[in-house]
């Protein structure tokens, strides 16, 4: 009796282990089947979606967005048909199964799935509309603003409007060197090596575009005295002009007040 009790107990343990492993594998397979691939598009731009390559000829194909049909074709049952507002801006290749949609809108965001020859494909595209950096002004800003050749260290920031830009990558270039991926901020230390660098530039990149800043002069390089003199003279001239304009405006106001007072006295 004791033997059979332990025998059945061991068998149950093995069965539980097998079921646990099987359940885990099924769960993993299910997760892999529903995991979506991020697909970014520019608002007003184009989105291209392609199914997993097939070894057989396509006889039926249906593309859907969030479960609603976008395009459908069944061999021998009629012509290729596009649905809702996808008509007139979609193109489905019946040989490759590639779907291209133009004039993309924010409402076109969502999960795109495809069924070919009555079989659901494992590919799921999670489409997201983002902004291009084409018209974005990108610049390198130094912090603090008083950073100069006497500073021990400073911070450079790659600044640009990244609202609705999706995931953003930052790249930095020192002088005429190569672009290297980094963070939005770049810390620089005032040493002999850094003083050999003439300029700093940055580049902002997202999945659909990129934009480069203009070069920023190295703040650790001491300005030549001739240039410094020109800058100081320009500042002095600007200050003089501002003071002269202010005094002229004040004098003009006083003159108008006196004229008005004399007119009142005459009355």
Protein backbone atom coordinates (compact mmCIF):
# COMPACT_ATOMS: atom_id res chain seq x y z
CA UNK A 1 0.00 0.00 0.00
CA UNK A 2 2.78 2.36 0.91
CA UNK A 3 4.51 1.67 -2.43
CA UNK A 4 1.42 2.42 -4.54
CA UNK A 5 0.72 5.59 -2.57
CA UNK A 6 4.18 6.99 -3.35
CA UNK A 7 3.99 5.73 -6.95
CA UNK A 8 0.75 7.61 -7.69
CA UNK A 9 2.07 10.65 -5.83
CA UNK A 10 5.19 10.73 -8.04
CA UNK A 11 3.08 10.30 -11.20
CA UNK A 12 0.84 13.19 -10.19
CA UNK A 13 3.89 15.39 -9.53
CA UNK A 14 5.32 14.59 -12.97
CA UNK A 15 1.94 15.28 -14.61
CA UNK A 16 1.66 18.62 -12.80
CA UNK A 17 5.18 19.54 -13.92
CA UNK A 18 4.39 18.60 -17.53
CA UNK A 19 1.14 20.56 -17.42
CA UNK A 20 2.95 23.55 -15.89
CA UNK A 21 5.63 23.52 -18.59
CA UNK A 22 3.02 23.04 -21.31
CA UNK A 23 0.94 25.89 -19.93
CA UNK A 24 3.96 28.17 -19.80
CA UNK A 25 4.92 27.32 -23.39
CA UNK A 26 1.35 27.92 -24.58
CA UNK A 27 1.25 31.22 -22.70
CA UNK A 28 4.58 32.28 -24.23
CA UNK A 29 3.38 31.31 -27.69
CA UNK A 30 0.17 33.26 -27.15
CA UNK A 31 2.10 36.34 -26.05
CA UNK A 32 4.38 36.12 -29.08
CA UNK A 33 1.34 35.84 -31.33
CA UNK A 34 -0.27 39.05 -30.07
CA UNK A 35 2.80 41.22 -29.56
CA UNK A 36 2.53 44.20 -31.89
CA UNK A 37 5.33 45.87 -33.84
CA UNK A 38 5.35 49.67 -33.52
CA UNK A 39 4.93 51.36 -36.89
CA UNK A 40 5.30 55.16 -37.02
CA UNK A 41 3.92 57.43 -39.71
CA UNK A 42 3.86 61.16 -40.40
CA UNK A 43 0.49 62.88 -40.33
CA UNK A 44 -0.32 63.54 -43.99
CA UNK A 45 2.34 61.05 -45.05
CA UNK A 46 2.32 57.41 -46.12
CA UNK A 47 2.10 54.09 -44.26
CA UNK A 48 3.34 50.82 -45.80
CA UNK A 49 2.35 47.49 -44.23
CA UNK A 50 3.56 44.10 -45.39
CA UNK A 51 2.61 40.58 -44.27
CA UNK A 52 4.96 37.74 -43.46
CA UNK A 53 6.41 36.38 -46.76
CA UNK A 54 4.31 33.50 -48.13
CA UNK A 55 5.32 30.33 -49.97
CA UNK A 56 1.90 30.04 -51.59
CA UNK A 57 -0.12 32.24 -53.96
CA UNK A 58 -2.58 34.67 -52.41
CA UNK A 59 -6.20 33.76 -53.14
CA UNK A 60 -7.89 35.74 -50.35
CA UNK A 61 -6.63 38.67 -48.29
CA UNK A 62 -8.19 40.99 -45.71
CA UNK A 63 -6.48 43.89 -43.95
CA UNK A 64 -8.18 45.26 -40.81
CA UNK A 65 -7.72 48.24 -38.47
CA UNK A 66 -8.85 47.55 -34.91
CA UNK A 67 -11.05 44.74 -36.24
CA UNK A 68 -12.70 46.80 -39.01
CA UNK A 69 -12.00 45.90 -42.64
CA UNK A 70 -9.73 48.29 -44.55
CA UNK A 71 -9.26 46.30 -47.77
CA UNK A 72 -10.44 42.90 -48.94
CA UNK A 73 -10.07 40.67 -52.00
CA UNK A 74 -11.37 37.14 -52.71
CA UNK A 75 -10.27 35.49 -55.91
CA UNK A 76 -13.22 34.84 -58.20
CA UNK A 77 -15.71 36.69 -55.97
CA UNK A 78 -15.32 40.18 -57.34
CA UNK A 79 -12.91 43.09 -57.48
CA UNK A 80 -10.60 44.33 -54.77
CA UNK A 81 -12.61 46.51 -52.39
CA UNK A 82 -11.59 49.29 -49.99
CA UNK A 83 -13.82 50.34 -47.11
CA UNK A 84 -14.88 53.56 -45.39
CA UNK A 85 -12.55 56.55 -45.78
CA UNK A 86 -9.69 54.32 -46.98
CA UNK A 87 -11.21 54.44 -50.45
CA UNK A 88 -9.15 56.58 -52.83
CA UNK A 89 -6.00 56.58 -50.70
CA UNK A 90 -5.14 52.89 -50.34
CA UNK A 91 -3.32 50.48 -52.62
CA UNK A 92 -3.14 46.71 -52.00
CA UNK A 93 -0.67 44.58 -53.97
CA UNK A 94 -2.38 41.24 -54.62
CA UNK A 95 0.93 39.50 -55.34
CA UNK A 96 2.87 40.49 -52.20
CA UNK A 97 -0.02 41.46 -49.92
CA UNK A 98 1.60 44.85 -49.16
CA UNK A 99 -0.89 47.57 -48.22
CA UNK A 100 0.05 51.25 -48.75
CA UNK A 101 -2.13 54.01 -47.30
CA UNK A 102 -1.50 57.67 -48.17
CA UNK A 103 -2.68 60.96 -46.60
CA UNK A 104 -2.46 59.39 -43.15
CA UNK A 105 -4.55 60.89 -40.36
CA UNK A 106 -4.51 60.77 -36.58
CA UNK A 107 -7.68 58.65 -36.75
CA UNK A 108 -5.71 56.01 -38.71
CA UNK A 109 -3.81 55.04 -35.56
CA UNK A 110 -4.34 51.56 -34.15
CA UNK A 111 -3.59 47.87 -34.69
CA UNK A 112 -3.44 46.63 -38.28
CA UNK A 113 -3.86 42.88 -38.84
CA UNK A 114 -4.02 40.76 -41.99
CA UNK A 115 -5.68 37.46 -42.92
CA UNK A 116 -4.37 35.63 -45.99
CA UNK A 117 -5.90 32.50 -47.50
CA UNK A 118 -8.28 32.32 -44.51
CA UNK A 119 -5.37 32.25 -42.03
CA UNK A 120 -4.56 35.00 -39.53
CA UNK A 121 -0.97 36.18 -39.90
CA UNK A 122 1.15 36.57 -36.76
CA UNK A 123 2.16 40.13 -37.68
CA UNK A 124 0.33 42.97 -35.92
CA UNK A 125 1.33 46.58 -36.65
CA UNK A 126 0.60 49.16 -33.95
CA UNK A 127 0.52 52.34 -36.07
CA UNK A 128 1.18 55.73 -34.42
CA UNK A 129 1.19 59.17 -36.01
CA UNK A 130 4.11 61.43 -35.05
CA UNK A 131 5.51 64.82 -36.02
CA UNK A 132 8.43 65.28 -38.40
CA UNK A 133 11.45 67.38 -37.40
CA UNK A 134 11.48 68.92 -40.90
CA UNK A 135 10.33 72.37 -39.71
CA UNK A 136 11.75 72.15 -36.19
CA UNK A 137 14.47 74.57 -35.12
CA UNK A 138 17.24 72.69 -33.33
CA UNK A 139 20.04 74.47 -31.47
CA UNK A 140 22.75 73.85 -28.90
CA UNK A 141 22.31 75.88 -25.72
CA UNK A 142 25.11 76.29 -23.17
CA UNK A 143 24.44 76.32 -19.42
CA UNK A 144 25.17 78.44 -17.54
CA UNK A 145 25.01 81.32 -20.01
CA UNK A 146 28.11 82.77 -18.33
CA UNK A 147 30.18 79.70 -19.28
CA UNK A 148 33.60 80.83 -20.60
CA UNK A 149 37.29 79.93 -20.70
CA UNK A 150 37.51 80.36 -16.92
CA UNK A 151 34.75 77.84 -16.14
CA UNK A 152 35.72 74.37 -14.93
CA UNK A 153 32.75 72.59 -16.53
CA UNK A 154 29.58 73.42 -18.44
CA UNK A 155 26.52 71.69 -19.84
CA UNK A 156 25.31 71.68 -23.43
CA UNK A 157 21.65 70.95 -24.25
CA UNK A 158 20.16 69.92 -27.59
CA UNK A 159 16.98 72.00 -27.72
CA UNK A 160 14.02 71.58 -30.09
CA UNK A 161 10.26 71.07 -29.96
CA UNK A 162 9.68 67.33 -29.46
CA UNK A 163 5.92 67.50 -28.82
CA UNK A 164 4.18 64.56 -30.59
CA UNK A 165 7.56 63.52 -32.04
CA UNK A 166 7.48 59.97 -30.64
CA UNK A 167 10.72 58.35 -29.46
CA UNK A 168 13.67 60.74 -29.91
CA UNK A 169 17.37 59.91 -30.21
CA UNK A 170 20.14 62.47 -29.67
CA UNK A 171 23.51 62.54 -31.42
CA UNK A 172 26.50 64.86 -30.80
CA UNK A 173 29.43 65.87 -32.96
CA UNK A 174 32.62 67.52 -31.74
CA UNK A 175 34.28 69.69 -34.38
CA UNK A 176 34.55 67.71 -37.62
CA UNK A 177 34.36 64.36 -35.81
CA UNK A 178 31.79 61.61 -36.21
CA UNK A 179 28.24 61.66 -34.87
CA UNK A 180 27.88 59.70 -31.62
CA UNK A 181 24.61 58.79 -29.92
CA UNK A 182 24.21 60.25 -26.45
CA UNK A 183 21.63 62.06 -24.31
CA UNK A 184 19.83 65.38 -24.65
CA UNK A 185 22.48 66.98 -22.42
CA UNK A 186 26.25 66.80 -22.90
CA UNK A 187 28.59 67.65 -20.03
CA UNK A 188 31.95 69.13 -21.03
CA UNK A 189 35.02 69.69 -18.85
CA UNK A 190 37.53 72.46 -19.37
CA UNK A 191 40.79 70.63 -20.09
CA UNK A 192 43.44 70.53 -22.82
CA UNK A 193 41.58 67.89 -24.82
CA UNK A 194 38.30 69.81 -24.85
CA UNK A 195 40.06 73.07 -25.71
CA UNK A 196 41.17 71.48 -29.01
CA UNK A 197 37.53 71.21 -30.12
CA UNK A 198 36.32 74.23 -32.10
CA UNK A 199 32.57 73.59 -32.18
CA UNK A 200 29.78 71.37 -30.86
CA UNK A 201 26.73 70.26 -32.88
CA UNK A 202 23.73 68.06 -32.10
CA UNK A 203 21.22 66.07 -34.10
CA UNK A 204 17.66 65.06 -33.11
CA UNK A 205 16.21 61.95 -34.73
CA UNK A 206 12.89 60.12 -34.56
CA UNK A 207 11.62 57.10 -36.59
CA UNK A 208 10.58 59.26 -39.58
CA UNK A 209 12.96 62.25 -39.65
CA UNK A 210 16.01 64.01 -38.22
CA UNK A 211 17.28 67.58 -37.87
CA UNK A 212 20.77 68.94 -37.22
CA UNK A 213 21.64 72.07 -35.25
CA UNK A 214 24.12 74.71 -36.29
CA UNK A 215 27.61 74.57 -34.72
CA UNK A 216 28.16 76.22 -31.34
CA UNK A 217 31.60 77.71 -30.70
CA UNK A 218 33.48 76.05 -27.87
CA UNK A 219 32.85 78.26 -24.81
CA UNK A 220 36.21 77.19 -23.32
CA UNK A 221 38.21 78.82 -26.13
CA UNK A 222 39.28 82.30 -25.09
CA UNK A 223 38.08 84.97 -27.47
CA UNK A 224 40.94 86.84 -29.25
CA UNK A 225 41.53 90.36 -27.93
CA UNK A 226 40.75 91.91 -31.32
CA UNK A 227 37.37 90.22 -31.44
CA UNK A 228 36.76 90.99 -27.78
CA UNK A 229 37.46 94.65 -28.47
CA UNK A 230 34.95 94.72 -31.31
CA UNK A 231 32.31 93.08 -29.11
CA UNK A 232 32.92 95.55 -26.27
CA UNK A 233 32.80 98.55 -28.63
CA UNK A 234 29.58 97.24 -30.15
CA UNK A 235 28.03 96.86 -26.71
CA UNK A 236 29.12 100.36 -25.75
CA UNK A 237 27.66 101.80 -28.97
CA UNK A 238 24.41 99.93 -28.42
CA UNK A 239 24.19 101.26 -24.85
CA UNK A 240 24.83 104.81 -26.07
CA UNK A 241 22.11 104.53 -28.71
CA UNK A 242 19.60 103.17 -26.21
CA UNK A 243 20.35 106.00 -23.73
CA UNK A 244 20.12 108.64 -26.46
CA UNK A 245 16.76 107.28 -27.64
CA UNK A 246 15.45 107.24 -24.07
CA UNK A 247 16.54 110.85 -23.42
CA UNK A 248 15.04 111.99 -26.74
CA UNK A 249 11.73 110.34 -25.89
CA UNK A 250 11.74 111.93 -22.45
CA UNK A 251 12.52 115.38 -23.89
CA UNK A 252 9.78 114.97 -26.50
CA UNK A 253 7.27 114.13 -23.78
CA UNK A 254 8.32 117.16 -21.70
CA UNK A 255 8.00 119.46 -24.69
CA UNK A 256 4.49 118.19 -25.41
CA UNK A 257 3.50 118.78 -21.79
CA UNK A 258 4.81 122.38 -21.87
CA UNK A 259 3.01 123.10 -25.12
CA UNK A 260 -0.27 121.81 -23.68
CA UNK A 261 0.23 123.89 -20.50
CA UNK A 262 0.84 127.08 -22.51
CA UNK A 263 -2.27 126.48 -24.58
CA UNK A 264 -4.34 126.09 -21.41
CA UNK A 265 -2.91 129.33 -19.95
CA UNK A 266 -3.71 131.23 -23.15
CA UNK A 267 -7.34 130.12 -22.89
